[in-house]
């Protein structure tokens, strides 16, 4: 029997996703809905196998291994596993300076 985890979206991650969808929907509402479903589904799939995402390389280089990511091009869904819960922490555009965003959000707050 597979152990199941609870998926918890943080306020920051929800805001990230909302901003992405609002930006896309200004030009293409149908595409925005498609992307929203794709990102939400990818996150939901973690409930049975949370280790499927890789350790975030930019943080791994700093000796930080507890943050993982899933790629939903061009976005990176950053999460952390804690006990029986998966915390979705950020949805970041990988075309931006991801290292600065991650270090600011995950380390210094």
N, C-alpha and C. Protein backbone atom coordinates (compact mmCIF):
# COMPACT_ATOMS: atom_id res chain seq x y z
N UNK A 1 0.84 -1.18 0.00
CA UNK A 1 0.00 0.00 0.00
C UNK A 1 0.88 1.24 0.00
N UNK A 2 0.60 2.18 -0.87
CA UNK A 2 1.36 3.43 -0.94
C UNK A 2 0.95 4.37 0.19
N UNK A 3 1.94 4.98 0.79
CA UNK A 3 1.65 6.03 1.76
C UNK A 3 1.30 7.28 0.99
N UNK A 4 0.30 8.01 1.49
CA UNK A 4 -0.12 9.22 0.81
C UNK A 4 0.22 10.43 1.66
N UNK A 5 0.56 11.48 0.96
CA UNK A 5 0.94 12.74 1.59
C UNK A 5 -0.14 13.78 1.31
N UNK A 6 -0.22 14.74 2.18
CA UNK A 6 -1.13 15.87 1.99
C UNK A 6 -0.36 16.98 1.27
N UNK A 7 -0.96 17.57 0.25
CA UNK A 7 -0.35 18.67 -0.49
C UNK A 7 -0.87 19.98 0.12
N UNK A 8 0.06 20.86 0.52
CA UNK A 8 -0.29 22.15 1.11
C UNK A 8 0.36 23.24 0.27
N UNK A 9 -0.47 24.13 -0.28
CA UNK A 9 0.04 25.26 -1.05
C UNK A 9 0.22 26.44 -0.11
N UNK A 10 1.42 26.98 -0.05
CA UNK A 10 1.65 28.17 0.77
C UNK A 10 1.06 29.39 0.09
N UNK A 11 0.89 30.46 0.85
CA UNK A 11 0.38 31.70 0.28
C UNK A 11 1.28 32.22 -0.84
N UNK A 12 2.58 32.12 -0.65
CA UNK A 12 3.53 32.58 -1.68
C UNK A 12 3.33 31.80 -2.98
N UNK A 13 3.21 30.48 -2.87
CA UNK A 13 3.03 29.66 -4.07
C UNK A 13 1.69 29.96 -4.74
N UNK A 14 0.64 30.13 -3.94
CA UNK A 14 -0.66 30.48 -4.51
C UNK A 14 -0.60 31.82 -5.23
N UNK A 15 0.09 32.79 -4.63
CA UNK A 15 0.24 34.10 -5.28
C UNK A 15 1.05 33.99 -6.56
N UNK A 16 2.12 33.20 -6.53
CA UNK A 16 2.92 32.98 -7.74
C UNK A 16 2.03 32.44 -8.86
N UNK A 17 1.27 31.40 -8.53
CA UNK A 17 0.43 30.76 -9.54
C UNK A 17 -0.65 31.73 -10.03
N UNK A 18 -1.26 32.46 -9.13
CA UNK A 18 -2.28 33.44 -9.51
C UNK A 18 -1.70 34.47 -10.47
N UNK A 19 -0.51 34.98 -10.16
CA UNK A 19 0.13 35.98 -11.02
C UNK A 19 0.45 35.42 -12.41
N UNK A 20 0.91 34.20 -12.45
CA UNK A 20 1.21 33.55 -13.74
C UNK A 20 -0.06 33.43 -14.57
N UNK A 21 -1.12 32.93 -13.95
CA UNK A 21 -2.37 32.69 -14.67
C UNK A 21 -3.01 34.01 -15.11
N UNK A 22 -2.98 35.01 -14.26
CA UNK A 22 -3.54 36.32 -14.64
C UNK A 22 -2.78 36.93 -15.82
N UNK A 23 -1.47 36.80 -15.79
CA UNK A 23 -0.64 37.34 -16.88
C UNK A 23 -0.97 36.65 -18.20
N UNK A 24 -1.04 35.33 -18.17
CA UNK A 24 -1.30 34.57 -19.39
C UNK A 24 -2.73 34.81 -19.87
N UNK A 25 -3.67 34.88 -18.95
CA UNK A 25 -5.08 35.01 -19.35
C UNK A 25 -5.38 36.36 -19.99
N UNK A 26 -4.54 37.34 -19.76
CA UNK A 26 -4.74 38.64 -20.42
C UNK A 26 -4.68 38.50 -21.94
N UNK A 27 -3.86 37.57 -22.42
CA UNK A 27 -3.73 37.33 -23.86
C UNK A 27 -4.47 36.09 -24.34
N UNK A 28 -4.54 35.07 -23.46
CA UNK A 28 -5.09 33.79 -23.90
C UNK A 28 -5.72 33.04 -22.72
N UNK A 29 -6.98 33.33 -22.40
CA UNK A 29 -7.64 32.69 -21.26
C UNK A 29 -7.67 31.16 -21.34
N UNK A 30 -7.85 30.61 -22.52
CA UNK A 30 -7.88 29.15 -22.65
C UNK A 30 -6.53 28.53 -22.31
N UNK A 31 -5.47 29.15 -22.76
CA UNK A 31 -4.13 28.66 -22.45
C UNK A 31 -3.84 28.79 -20.95
N UNK A 32 -4.31 29.87 -20.35
CA UNK A 32 -4.12 30.06 -18.91
C UNK A 32 -4.77 28.94 -18.12
N UNK A 33 -5.99 28.55 -18.49
CA UNK A 33 -6.68 27.46 -17.81
C UNK A 33 -5.93 26.14 -18.00
N UNK A 34 -5.45 25.92 -19.20
CA UNK A 34 -4.68 24.70 -19.50
C UNK A 34 -3.42 24.62 -18.63
N UNK A 35 -2.72 25.74 -18.51
CA UNK A 35 -1.50 25.78 -17.71
C UNK A 35 -1.80 25.61 -16.23
N UNK A 36 -2.88 26.24 -15.76
CA UNK A 36 -3.28 26.08 -14.37
C UNK A 36 -3.54 24.61 -14.05
N UNK A 37 -4.29 23.94 -14.90
CA UNK A 37 -4.58 22.51 -14.69
C UNK A 37 -3.31 21.68 -14.70
N UNK A 38 -2.42 21.99 -15.61
CA UNK A 38 -1.17 21.23 -15.74
C UNK A 38 -0.30 21.37 -14.48
N UNK A 39 -0.16 22.60 -13.98
CA UNK A 39 0.66 22.83 -12.78
C UNK A 39 0.01 22.17 -11.56
N UNK A 40 -1.31 22.33 -11.40
CA UNK A 40 -2.02 21.74 -10.26
C UNK A 40 -1.94 20.21 -10.30
N UNK A 41 -2.07 19.63 -11.49
CA UNK A 41 -2.00 18.18 -11.62
C UNK A 41 -0.61 17.66 -11.27
N UNK A 42 0.40 18.36 -11.74
CA UNK A 42 1.78 17.95 -11.46
C UNK A 42 2.02 17.95 -9.95
N UNK A 43 1.53 18.99 -9.26
CA UNK A 43 1.68 19.06 -7.81
C UNK A 43 0.88 17.96 -7.13
N UNK A 44 -0.32 17.70 -7.59
CA UNK A 44 -1.17 16.67 -6.99
C UNK A 44 -0.56 15.28 -7.10
N UNK A 45 0.19 15.05 -8.17
CA UNK A 45 0.82 13.75 -8.36
C UNK A 45 1.88 13.43 -7.31
N UNK A 46 2.31 14.44 -6.58
CA UNK A 46 3.33 14.22 -5.54
C UNK A 46 2.78 13.46 -4.33
N UNK A 47 1.48 13.39 -4.18
CA UNK A 47 0.92 12.81 -2.96
C UNK A 47 1.29 11.35 -2.75
N UNK A 48 1.65 10.64 -3.80
CA UNK A 48 2.07 9.24 -3.62
C UNK A 48 3.57 9.02 -3.73
N UNK A 49 4.27 9.94 -4.37
CA UNK A 49 5.72 9.77 -4.54
C UNK A 49 6.41 11.13 -4.53
N UNK A 50 6.52 11.74 -3.36
CA UNK A 50 7.05 13.11 -3.29
C UNK A 50 8.53 13.24 -3.66
N UNK A 51 9.27 12.15 -3.60
CA UNK A 51 10.69 12.22 -3.92
C UNK A 51 10.96 12.25 -5.41
N UNK A 52 9.91 12.23 -6.23
CA UNK A 52 10.12 12.20 -7.68
C UNK A 52 10.79 13.46 -8.20
N UNK A 53 10.61 14.59 -7.53
CA UNK A 53 11.27 15.82 -7.96
C UNK A 53 12.74 15.82 -7.56
N UNK A 54 13.53 16.53 -8.32
CA UNK A 54 14.96 16.60 -8.02
C UNK A 54 15.22 17.66 -6.94
N UNK A 55 16.36 17.53 -6.28
CA UNK A 55 16.81 18.56 -5.36
C UNK A 55 17.13 19.80 -6.19
N UNK A 56 16.74 20.98 -5.70
CA UNK A 56 16.96 22.22 -6.44
C UNK A 56 18.47 22.44 -6.59
N UNK A 57 18.99 22.42 -7.82
CA UNK A 57 20.43 22.48 -8.03
C UNK A 57 21.11 23.71 -7.43
N UNK A 58 20.48 24.88 -7.56
CA UNK A 58 21.09 26.11 -7.05
C UNK A 58 21.24 26.07 -5.53
N UNK A 59 20.31 25.40 -4.86
CA UNK A 59 20.40 25.28 -3.40
C UNK A 59 21.33 24.14 -3.01
N UNK A 60 21.32 23.09 -3.79
CA UNK A 60 22.23 21.96 -3.54
C UNK A 60 23.67 22.44 -3.57
N UNK A 61 23.98 23.35 -4.49
CA UNK A 61 25.32 23.91 -4.57
C UNK A 61 25.70 24.66 -3.30
N UNK A 62 24.69 25.12 -2.55
CA UNK A 62 24.92 25.83 -1.29
C UNK A 62 24.86 24.88 -0.09
N UNK A 63 24.73 23.57 -0.35
CA UNK A 63 24.66 22.59 0.72
C UNK A 63 23.28 22.42 1.32
N UNK A 64 22.25 22.86 0.60
CA UNK A 64 20.87 22.78 1.07
C UNK A 64 20.15 21.73 0.24
N UNK A 65 19.67 20.68 0.90
CA UNK A 65 19.13 19.53 0.18
C UNK A 65 17.65 19.26 0.43
N UNK A 66 16.99 20.03 1.28
CA UNK A 66 15.61 19.71 1.65
C UNK A 66 14.55 20.25 0.68
N UNK A 67 14.96 21.03 -0.30
CA UNK A 67 14.00 21.60 -1.26
C UNK A 67 14.10 20.86 -2.58
N UNK A 68 12.94 20.51 -3.11
CA UNK A 68 12.86 19.78 -4.38
C UNK A 68 12.06 20.59 -5.38
N UNK A 69 12.13 20.16 -6.63
CA UNK A 69 11.38 20.86 -7.66
C UNK A 69 10.87 19.91 -8.72
N UNK A 70 9.77 20.32 -9.30
CA UNK A 70 9.23 19.70 -10.50
C UNK A 70 9.26 20.76 -11.59
N UNK A 71 9.55 20.34 -12.78
CA UNK A 71 9.59 21.26 -13.91
C UNK A 71 8.29 21.15 -14.69
N UNK A 72 7.66 22.28 -14.88
CA UNK A 72 6.49 22.42 -15.75
C UNK A 72 6.85 23.59 -16.65
N UNK A 73 7.56 23.29 -17.72
CA UNK A 73 8.20 24.33 -18.53
C UNK A 73 7.27 25.47 -18.86
N UNK A 74 7.72 26.70 -18.68
CA UNK A 74 9.04 27.14 -18.22
C UNK A 74 9.10 27.39 -16.70
N UNK A 75 8.17 26.81 -15.95
CA UNK A 75 8.12 27.08 -14.51
C UNK A 75 8.73 25.95 -13.71
N UNK A 76 9.15 26.33 -12.52
CA UNK A 76 9.71 25.38 -11.56
C UNK A 76 8.84 25.44 -10.31
N UNK A 77 8.28 24.32 -9.96
CA UNK A 77 7.44 24.20 -8.78
C UNK A 77 8.34 23.72 -7.64
N UNK A 78 8.59 24.59 -6.67
CA UNK A 78 9.50 24.30 -5.57
C UNK A 78 8.70 23.81 -4.37
N UNK A 79 9.14 22.71 -3.77
CA UNK A 79 8.40 22.17 -2.63
C UNK A 79 9.36 21.56 -1.61
N UNK A 80 8.77 21.26 -0.45
CA UNK A 80 9.53 20.64 0.64
C UNK A 80 8.66 19.56 1.27
N UNK A 81 9.26 18.45 1.58
CA UNK A 81 8.56 17.35 2.24
C UNK A 81 8.82 17.48 3.74
N UNK A 82 7.73 17.45 4.52
CA UNK A 82 7.85 17.51 5.98
C UNK A 82 6.84 16.54 6.57
N UNK A 83 7.35 15.48 7.20
CA UNK A 83 6.49 14.46 7.77
C UNK A 83 5.62 13.87 6.67
N UNK A 84 4.30 13.98 6.79
CA UNK A 84 3.37 13.41 5.81
C UNK A 84 2.76 14.52 4.94
N UNK A 85 3.41 15.67 4.90
CA UNK A 85 2.90 16.79 4.11
C UNK A 85 3.94 17.26 3.11
N UNK A 86 3.44 17.76 2.00
CA UNK A 86 4.29 18.36 0.98
C UNK A 86 3.87 19.81 0.88
N UNK A 87 4.81 20.70 1.13
CA UNK A 87 4.54 22.13 1.08
C UNK A 87 5.03 22.68 -0.26
N UNK A 88 4.09 23.13 -1.08
CA UNK A 88 4.44 23.80 -2.33
C UNK A 88 4.78 25.23 -1.93
N UNK A 89 6.03 25.61 -2.18
CA UNK A 89 6.55 26.89 -1.67
C UNK A 89 6.57 28.00 -2.70
N UNK A 90 6.82 27.67 -3.96
CA UNK A 90 6.93 28.69 -5.00
C UNK A 90 6.70 28.07 -6.36
N UNK A 91 6.21 28.91 -7.26
CA UNK A 91 6.16 28.56 -8.68
C UNK A 91 6.91 29.69 -9.38
N UNK A 92 8.08 29.37 -9.90
CA UNK A 92 9.01 30.38 -10.39
C UNK A 92 9.25 30.20 -11.88
N UNK A 93 9.30 31.31 -12.58
CA UNK A 93 9.64 31.31 -14.00
C UNK A 93 11.13 31.04 -14.12
N UNK A 94 11.50 29.94 -14.74
CA UNK A 94 12.91 29.56 -14.83
C UNK A 94 13.71 30.46 -15.76
N UNK A 95 13.04 31.34 -16.49
CA UNK A 95 13.76 32.27 -17.37
C UNK A 95 14.30 33.46 -16.59
N UNK A 96 13.89 33.57 -15.33
CA UNK A 96 14.39 34.65 -14.46
C UNK A 96 15.55 34.12 -13.64
N UNK A 97 16.19 35.00 -12.87
CA UNK A 97 17.31 34.59 -12.04
C UNK A 97 16.77 33.80 -10.84
N UNK A 98 16.67 32.51 -11.04
CA UNK A 98 16.05 31.62 -10.07
C UNK A 98 16.84 31.57 -8.77
N UNK A 99 18.13 31.57 -8.87
CA UNK A 99 18.95 31.46 -7.65
C UNK A 99 18.68 32.61 -6.69
N UNK A 100 18.63 33.83 -7.19
CA UNK A 100 18.35 34.97 -6.33
C UNK A 100 16.96 34.87 -5.71
N UNK A 101 15.98 34.48 -6.50
CA UNK A 101 14.61 34.35 -6.00
C UNK A 101 14.55 33.30 -4.90
N UNK A 102 15.13 32.15 -5.15
CA UNK A 102 15.09 31.06 -4.17
C UNK A 102 15.82 31.42 -2.89
N UNK A 103 17.01 31.95 -3.01
CA UNK A 103 17.76 32.29 -1.81
C UNK A 103 17.02 33.33 -0.98
N UNK A 104 16.41 34.28 -1.63
CA UNK A 104 15.65 35.31 -0.91
C UNK A 104 14.42 34.71 -0.24
N UNK A 105 13.68 33.89 -0.94
CA UNK A 105 12.43 33.36 -0.41
C UNK A 105 12.62 32.23 0.60
N UNK A 106 13.54 31.34 0.34
CA UNK A 106 13.64 30.14 1.15
C UNK A 106 14.68 30.20 2.28
N UNK A 107 15.66 31.04 2.14
CA UNK A 107 16.74 31.06 3.11
C UNK A 107 16.63 32.24 4.06
N UNK A 108 16.39 33.41 3.55
CA UNK A 108 16.49 34.62 4.35
C UNK A 108 15.18 35.06 4.96
N UNK A 109 14.14 34.27 4.89
CA UNK A 109 12.86 34.66 5.50
C UNK A 109 12.52 33.72 6.62
